[in-house]
Amino acid sequence: MPKLELKAVQRELEQAKVWPFYWIYGPERLKSRELLKRLKKAIFQESGANSFGWNEETFDGNEAGVERILDSALSPSLGGGTRLILIREAHTLKNPELLSELLGDVSRAPSPMDISELSSVCVCLAKDLDGRKKFSKLLLERAAVIACDEVLEQQRESWVLYLAKRKGLELPAFLVMQLCTLDPWNLDILDLELEKLSIDGIENQTPLEGTGSEAAPETVSGLVFGRATERFLESFFLRDLKSALAQLVGFVDRPDESLPLLGLLGWNVRHLALFLSDRALGTRHTKLSPFLIDRFRKWSLKWQLQEVLELQKALVSLDFQMKQSPLLALGIWSQLVTQFCREHMG
């Protein structure tokens, strides 16, 4: 049985079908929490189980013995319906192969079943799946194995928009871009930043003069950059030397703005390189919102691919200088702007 995609599991749950055994693993805990929530809803609603917690039992793999877990899974439900056996930190279980009894009838091909057919469903939440172990191979053959992998960079925007919509937030395009470039980045961090925004609010959004983009307020949750940095980004990628240099004094001496801006620059440079590469090869690997596509199309008129690749190297050097060099920040940034804010050679 190949690993299941989250969307495939959701379709099964909508049809009131579940696997006797789930192994859910990976670094994105928000994905696993959402999946567990949907599993609980499907199991308890469909089986008519009571809401007093009698049909759910949780174990910690570090502490619970497999025999105790097995006994609980095979015990009849006090309130009727299907029991949910939840094992956290399942990768730490000792002798997990004893749980193979819960993987379903070996005489039938592994597949999801009607919830009403199952007396219990075992859900394991784990850090990983060790392919070297015999039990892991058995899981791949007979259980629902679901990887909650890190979100790819090109998928970040979709997750930003999805989680923002769930919180009732309508984000300006520039803020979406900033949320895509958080460092470090994972769904829990993103969800926390969106929660801050939902509490603080997003008001007074006004377009920046001459940029054609929506501007975020100067301070929201400590995340949104000031107007000087926003103007700098547009001026820099349009290679307007005079304007870009004028914006530097607004942020270079404030590390809380200049360091995040460096990450934002790096994100834009990577996607500008992809955009230019797509245009040269006639491909469409860059998947962004129409707003961002329009922005990169405008910027691409000012850049050649080789120049963008050189800029990527320069940003790595700038990052090192900002963190390790005693040089003044204004001088470091001015050197970058002077080097790259000039029209490309035809």
Protein backbone atom coordinates (compact mmCIF):
# COMPACT_ATOMS: atom_id res chain seq x y z
CA MET A 1 0.00 0.00 0.00
CA PRO A 2 1.63 3.30 -1.02
CA LYS A 3 1.62 6.27 1.32
CA LEU A 4 -1.69 8.12 1.30
CA GLU A 5 -2.10 11.77 0.42
CA LEU A 6 -4.05 13.98 2.84
CA LYS A 7 -6.67 14.70 0.17
CA ALA A 8 -7.23 10.97 -0.41
CA VAL A 9 -7.82 10.43 3.33
CA GLN A 10 -10.28 13.32 3.39
CA ARG A 11 -12.26 11.76 0.52
CA GLU A 12 -12.41 8.47 2.41
CA LEU A 13 -13.67 10.20 5.56
CA GLU A 14 -16.39 11.97 3.57
CA GLN A 15 -17.57 8.51 2.54
CA ALA A 16 -17.52 7.35 6.21
CA LYS A 17 -14.65 4.96 5.52
CA VAL A 18 -11.60 4.59 7.74
CA TRP A 19 -8.60 2.32 8.09
CA PRO A 20 -8.22 0.17 11.21
CA PHE A 21 -4.72 1.60 11.70
CA TYR A 22 -3.15 4.99 10.88
CA TRP A 23 0.51 5.97 11.10
CA ILE A 24 0.76 9.77 10.76
CA TYR A 25 4.25 11.24 10.83
CA GLY A 26 6.37 14.19 9.79
CA PRO A 27 7.46 17.66 10.95
CA GLU A 28 4.28 19.61 10.11
CA ARG A 29 2.31 19.11 13.28
CA LEU A 30 -0.50 21.41 12.16
CA LYS A 31 -1.28 18.96 9.33
CA SER A 32 -1.38 16.01 11.73
CA ARG A 33 -3.59 17.91 14.20
CA GLU A 34 -6.05 18.82 11.45
CA LEU A 35 -6.17 15.23 10.21
CA LEU A 36 -6.71 13.90 13.73
CA LYS A 37 -9.56 16.38 14.24
CA ARG A 38 -11.26 15.16 11.07
CA LEU A 39 -10.75 11.53 12.01
CA LYS A 40 -12.37 12.08 15.40
CA LYS A 41 -15.31 13.89 13.86
CA ALA A 42 -15.89 11.15 11.29
CA ILE A 43 -15.53 8.27 13.73
CA PHE A 44 -17.67 9.64 16.54
CA GLN A 45 -20.41 11.15 14.39
CA GLU A 46 -20.80 8.13 12.14
CA SER A 47 -20.62 5.50 14.89
CA GLY A 48 -22.96 7.40 17.20
CA ALA A 49 -20.44 7.28 20.03
CA ASN A 50 -21.13 9.34 23.13
CA SER A 51 -19.36 12.61 23.81
CA PHE A 52 -18.06 11.81 27.31
CA GLY A 53 -14.63 10.60 26.17
CA TRP A 54 -15.39 6.95 27.00
CA ASN A 55 -14.67 5.95 23.40
CA GLU A 56 -11.27 7.61 23.21
CA GLU A 57 -8.10 6.63 25.00
CA THR A 58 -4.71 8.29 24.61
CA PHE A 59 -1.31 6.72 25.23
CA ASP A 60 2.25 8.04 25.17
CA GLY A 61 4.70 5.79 23.34
CA ASN A 62 7.43 6.67 25.86
CA GLU A 63 5.41 5.35 28.77
CA ALA A 64 2.73 2.91 27.70
CA GLY A 65 3.46 -0.76 27.09
CA VAL A 66 2.22 -2.27 23.83
CA GLU A 67 0.30 -4.96 25.73
CA ARG A 68 -1.73 -2.30 27.53
CA ILE A 69 -2.50 -0.52 24.25
CA LEU A 70 -3.53 -3.77 22.60
CA ASP A 71 -5.78 -4.68 25.49
CA SER A 72 -7.53 -1.32 25.31
CA ALA A 73 -8.02 -1.55 21.55
CA LEU A 74 -9.59 -5.01 21.80
CA SER A 75 -11.86 -4.17 24.73
CA PRO A 76 -15.54 -3.55 23.97
CA SER A 77 -16.82 0.01 24.05
CA LEU A 78 -18.80 0.98 27.15
CA GLY A 79 -20.98 3.46 25.29
CA GLY A 80 -21.27 1.69 21.95
CA GLY A 81 -19.79 2.77 18.66
CA THR A 82 -16.17 2.74 17.52
CA ARG A 83 -13.30 3.33 19.95
CA LEU A 84 -10.40 5.63 19.05
CA ILE A 85 -7.00 4.54 20.34
CA LEU A 86 -4.54 7.42 20.05
CA ILE A 87 -0.79 6.85 20.49
CA ARG A 88 1.42 9.92 20.67
CA GLU A 89 5.20 9.71 20.14
CA ALA A 90 4.50 6.34 18.52
CA HIS A 91 8.03 6.15 17.09
CA THR A 92 9.29 5.50 20.64
CA LEU A 93 7.15 2.38 21.15
CA LYS A 94 9.00 -0.78 22.15
CA ASN A 95 7.99 -4.00 20.38
CA PRO A 96 5.47 -2.23 18.11
CA GLU A 97 5.15 -5.37 15.97
CA LEU A 98 2.74 -6.70 18.62
CA LEU A 99 0.25 -4.14 17.31
CA SER A 100 0.08 -5.97 13.97
CA GLU A 101 -3.05 -7.63 15.34
CA LEU A 102 -4.82 -4.28 14.86
CA LEU A 103 -3.96 -3.94 11.16
CA GLY A 104 -7.08 -5.72 9.98
CA ASP A 105 -8.03 -9.10 8.53
CA VAL A 106 -5.01 -10.53 6.69
CA SER A 107 -7.32 -12.60 4.49
CA ARG A 108 -8.62 -9.51 2.73
CA ALA A 109 -6.83 -6.88 0.70
CA PRO A 110 -5.95 -3.80 2.78
CA SER A 111 -8.49 -1.04 2.25
CA PRO A 112 -10.59 1.45 4.21
CA MET A 113 -13.76 0.07 5.77
CA ASP A 114 -17.14 1.38 6.84
CA ILE A 115 -16.78 2.87 10.30
CA SER A 116 -19.65 0.70 11.54
CA GLU A 117 -17.59 -2.44 10.79
CA LEU A 118 -14.79 -1.49 13.18
CA SER A 119 -14.84 -1.79 16.94
CA SER A 120 -11.73 0.41 17.20
CA VAL A 121 -9.43 2.60 15.14
CA CYS A 122 -5.78 3.02 16.16
CA VAL A 123 -4.08 6.32 15.27
CA CYS A 124 -0.33 6.69 15.79
CA LEU A 125 1.28 10.13 15.74
CA ALA A 126 5.01 9.80 15.16
CA LYS A 127 8.11 11.80 14.38
CA ASP A 128 9.08 9.58 11.47
CA LEU A 129 8.73 6.18 9.84
CA ASP A 130 11.90 4.11 10.10
CA GLY A 131 12.00 2.14 6.87
CA ARG A 132 14.61 -0.22 8.28
CA LYS A 133 12.18 -1.74 10.77
CA LYS A 134 10.10 -4.77 9.90
CA PHE A 135 7.00 -3.20 11.44
CA SER A 136 7.37 -0.14 9.18
CA LYS A 137 7.33 -2.35 6.11
CA LEU A 138 4.22 -4.06 7.43
CA LEU A 139 2.57 -0.67 7.95
CA LEU A 140 3.28 0.30 4.36
CA GLU A 141 1.60 -2.91 3.22
CA ARG A 142 -1.50 -2.93 5.41
CA ALA A 143 -2.08 0.42 7.14
CA ALA A 144 -2.81 4.02 6.21
CA VAL A 145 0.59 5.72 6.27
CA ILE A 146 0.39 9.50 5.92
CA ALA A 147 3.39 11.82 5.71
CA CYS A 148 2.91 15.37 6.99
CA ASP A 149 5.91 16.76 5.14
CA GLU A 150 7.31 20.27 5.19
CA VAL A 151 5.50 22.67 2.89
CA LEU A 152 7.41 23.31 -0.32
CA GLU A 153 8.32 26.93 -0.95
CA GLN A 154 6.09 27.12 -4.02
CA GLN A 155 3.15 25.91 -1.91
CA ARG A 156 3.53 28.48 0.87
CA GLU A 157 1.30 31.10 -0.71
CA SER A 158 -1.62 28.65 -0.97
CA TRP A 159 -1.27 27.77 2.72
CA VAL A 160 -1.05 31.45 3.73
CA LEU A 161 -4.28 32.20 1.87
CA TYR A 162 -6.01 29.05 3.19
CA LEU A 163 -5.18 29.66 6.86
CA ALA A 164 -5.92 33.37 6.56
CA LYS A 165 -9.36 32.65 5.07
CA ARG A 166 -10.06 30.24 7.92
CA LYS A 167 -9.41 33.08 10.37
CA GLY A 168 -11.53 35.52 8.37
CA LEU A 169 -8.54 37.59 7.25
CA GLU A 170 -8.21 39.29 3.88
CA LEU A 171 -4.50 39.93 3.49
CA PRO A 172 -2.97 42.54 1.19
CA ALA A 173 -0.71 40.97 -1.43
CA PHE A 174 2.46 42.46 0.05
CA LEU A 175 1.72 40.93 3.43
CA VAL A 176 1.10 37.54 1.79
CA MET A 177 4.58 37.81 0.33
CA GLN A 178 6.08 38.65 3.71
CA LEU A 179 4.36 35.71 5.38
CA CYS A 180 5.76 33.44 2.67
CA THR A 181 9.29 34.51 3.60
CA LEU A 182 9.21 34.03 7.36
CA ASP A 183 12.41 32.43 8.63
CA PRO A 184 12.14 29.88 10.12
CA TRP A 185 8.96 28.82 8.34
CA ASN A 186 6.45 26.14 9.21
CA LEU A 187 2.68 25.98 9.49
CA ASP A 188 2.65 26.43 13.27
CA ILE A 189 4.71 29.63 13.00
CA LEU A 190 2.49 30.85 10.16
CA ASP A 191 -0.66 30.09 12.14
CA LEU A 192 0.72 31.98 15.14
CA GLU A 193 1.49 35.07 13.04
CA LEU A 194 -1.97 34.97 11.50
CA GLU A 195 -3.50 34.68 14.96
CA LYS A 196 -1.61 37.83 15.99
CA LEU A 197 -2.95 39.60 12.93
CA SER A 198 -6.50 38.48 13.68
CA ILE A 199 -6.20 39.95 17.19
CA ASP A 200 -4.43 43.20 16.24
CA GLY A 201 -6.42 43.72 13.05
CA ILE A 202 -5.35 44.88 9.60
CA GLU A 203 -6.53 48.43 9.07
CA ASN A 204 -5.61 51.49 7.06
CA GLN A 205 -4.37 49.59 4.04
CA THR A 206 -3.46 52.14 1.38
CA PRO A 207 -1.64 51.75 -1.93
CA LEU A 208 1.88 53.08 -2.01
CA GLU A 209 2.22 55.99 -4.38
CA GLY A 210 3.81 54.90 -7.61
CA THR A 211 4.15 51.20 -6.73
CA GLY A 212 0.79 49.85 -7.82
CA SER A 213 0.72 47.54 -4.78
CA GLU A 214 -1.19 47.50 -1.55
CA ALA A 215 0.82 48.57 1.46
CA ALA A 216 0.54 47.07 4.89
CA PRO A 217 0.41 49.32 7.97
CA GLU A 218 3.74 50.23 9.47
CA THR A 219 3.39 47.90 12.45
CA VAL A 220 1.20 44.81 12.71
CA SER A 221 2.33 42.12 15.14
CA GLY A 222 5.93 43.27 14.64
CA LEU A 223 5.87 41.51 11.27
CA VAL A 224 5.04 44.11 8.68
CA PHE A 225 7.84 46.30 7.41
CA GLY A 226 7.82 50.08 7.35
CA ARG A 227 6.98 52.09 4.27
CA ALA A 228 10.66 52.79 3.58
CA THR A 229 11.40 49.08 3.16
CA GLU A 230 8.37 48.59 0.92
CA ARG A 231 9.40 51.48 -1.31
CA PHE A 232 12.97 50.18 -1.30
CA LEU A 233 11.89 46.76 -2.59
CA GLU A 234 10.03 48.28 -5.53
CA SER A 235 12.78 50.78 -6.32
CA PHE A 236 15.51 48.15 -6.10
CA PHE A 237 13.91 45.69 -8.50
CA LEU A 238 13.04 48.50 -10.91
CA ARG A 239 16.74 49.42 -10.65
CA ASP A 240 15.99 53.02 -9.71
CA LEU A 241 19.33 53.94 -8.12
CA LYS A 242 18.35 57.37 -6.78
CA SER A 243 15.10 56.18 -5.19
CA ALA A 244 16.59 52.99 -3.71
CA LEU A 245 19.47 54.87 -2.08
CA ALA A 246 17.01 57.40 -0.64
CA GLN A 247 15.05 54.63 1.11
CA LEU A 248 18.07 53.07 2.84
CA VAL A 249 18.24 55.55 5.71
CA GLY A 250 14.71 54.51 6.73
CA PHE A 251 15.66 50.97 7.79
CA VAL A 252 19.38 50.01 7.54
CA ASP A 253 20.14 50.96 11.16
CA ARG A 254 17.17 48.93 12.46
CA PRO A 255 18.07 45.20 12.44
CA ASP A 256 14.43 44.29 13.21
CA GLU A 257 13.59 45.57 9.73
CA SER A 258 16.79 45.11 7.72
CA LEU A 259 17.32 41.41 8.57
CA PRO A 260 13.75 40.34 7.65
CA LEU A 261 14.04 42.49 4.52
CA LEU A 262 17.11 40.52 3.52
CA GLY A 263 15.04 37.34 3.66
CA LEU A 264 12.30 39.00 1.64
CA LEU A 265 14.86 40.11 -0.95
CA GLY A 266 16.16 36.55 -1.21
CA TRP A 267 12.65 35.16 -1.76
CA ASN A 268 11.95 37.67 -4.52
CA VAL A 269 15.30 37.06 -6.17
CA ARG A 270 14.72 33.28 -6.29
CA HIS A 271 11.31 33.71 -7.87
CA LEU A 272 12.53 36.36 -10.28
CA ALA A 273 15.22 33.91 -11.42
CA LEU A 274 12.57 31.21 -11.92
CA PHE A 275 10.39 33.66 -13.82
CA LEU A 276 13.24 34.64 -16.16
CA SER A 277 14.18 30.99 -16.64
CA ASP A 278 10.58 30.09 -17.51
CA ARG A 279 10.47 32.89 -20.05
CA ALA A 280 13.73 31.76 -21.67
CA LEU A 281 12.78 28.08 -21.82
CA GLY A 282 9.08 28.49 -22.49
CA THR A 283 8.16 26.61 -19.29
CA ARG A 284 5.77 27.44 -16.44
CA HIS A 285 7.38 26.27 -13.21
CA THR A 286 6.66 29.52 -11.35
CA LYS A 287 3.27 29.17 -9.64
CA LEU A 288 2.25 32.43 -7.98
CA SER A 289 -0.82 34.63 -7.65
CA PRO A 290 -1.73 36.94 -10.58
CA PHE A 291 -0.61 39.95 -8.51
CA LEU A 292 2.88 38.53 -8.02
CA ILE A 293 3.12 37.33 -11.61
CA ASP A 294 2.38 40.88 -12.78
CA ARG A 295 5.01 42.24 -10.40
CA PHE A 296 7.70 39.81 -11.60
CA ARG A 297 6.76 40.47 -15.21
CA LYS A 298 7.34 44.20 -14.63
CA TRP A 299 10.60 43.63 -12.80
CA SER A 300 11.88 41.12 -15.36
CA LEU A 301 12.05 43.87 -17.98
CA LYS A 302 14.93 45.34 -15.98
CA TRP A 303 16.94 42.16 -15.38
CA GLN A 304 18.79 39.39 -17.15
CA LEU A 305 19.03 35.94 -15.63
CA GLN A 306 22.80 36.08 -15.14
CA GLU A 307 22.47 39.33 -13.20
CA VAL A 308 19.86 37.80 -10.90
CA LEU A 309 22.14 34.83 -10.22
CA GLU A 310 24.95 37.25 -9.35
CA LEU A 311 22.54 39.08 -7.04
CA GLN A 312 21.80 35.82 -5.21
CA LYS A 313 25.50 35.44 -4.42
CA ALA A 314 25.71 39.07 -3.33
CA LEU A 315 22.84 38.61 -0.88
CA VAL A 316 24.66 35.68 0.74
CA SER A 317 27.69 37.92 1.18
CA LEU A 318 25.51 40.73 2.54
CA ASP A 319 23.96 38.38 5.10
CA PHE A 320 27.42 37.37 6.33
CA GLN A 321 28.60 40.99 6.51
CA MET A 322 25.55 42.12 8.47
CA LYS A 323 26.05 39.40 11.08
CA GLN A 324 29.84 39.18 11.25
CA SER A 325 31.39 42.39 9.92
CA PRO A 326 32.02 45.61 11.89
CA LEU A 327 31.27 47.62 8.74
CA LEU A 328 28.47 50.17 8.94
CA ALA A 329 25.12 48.84 7.72
CA LEU A 330 24.53 51.89 5.53
CA GLY A 331 27.79 51.28 3.68
CA ILE A 332 27.04 47.59 3.13
CA TRP A 333 23.57 48.22 1.74
CA SER A 334 24.72 51.19 -0.35
CA GLN A 335 27.34 49.01 -2.00
CA LEU A 336 24.69 46.43 -2.95
CA VAL A 337 22.35 49.09 -4.35
CA THR A 338 25.09 50.85 -6.30
CA GLN A 339 26.27 47.54 -7.76
CA PHE A 340 22.88 46.30 -8.99
CA CYS A 341 20.61 49.32 -9.47
CA ARG A 342 21.68 50.05 -12.99
CA GLU A 343 20.07 49.09 -16.28
CA HIS A 344 21.19 45.76 -17.70
CA MET A 345 23.33 45.71 -20.77
CA GLY A 346 21.34 44.89 -23.90
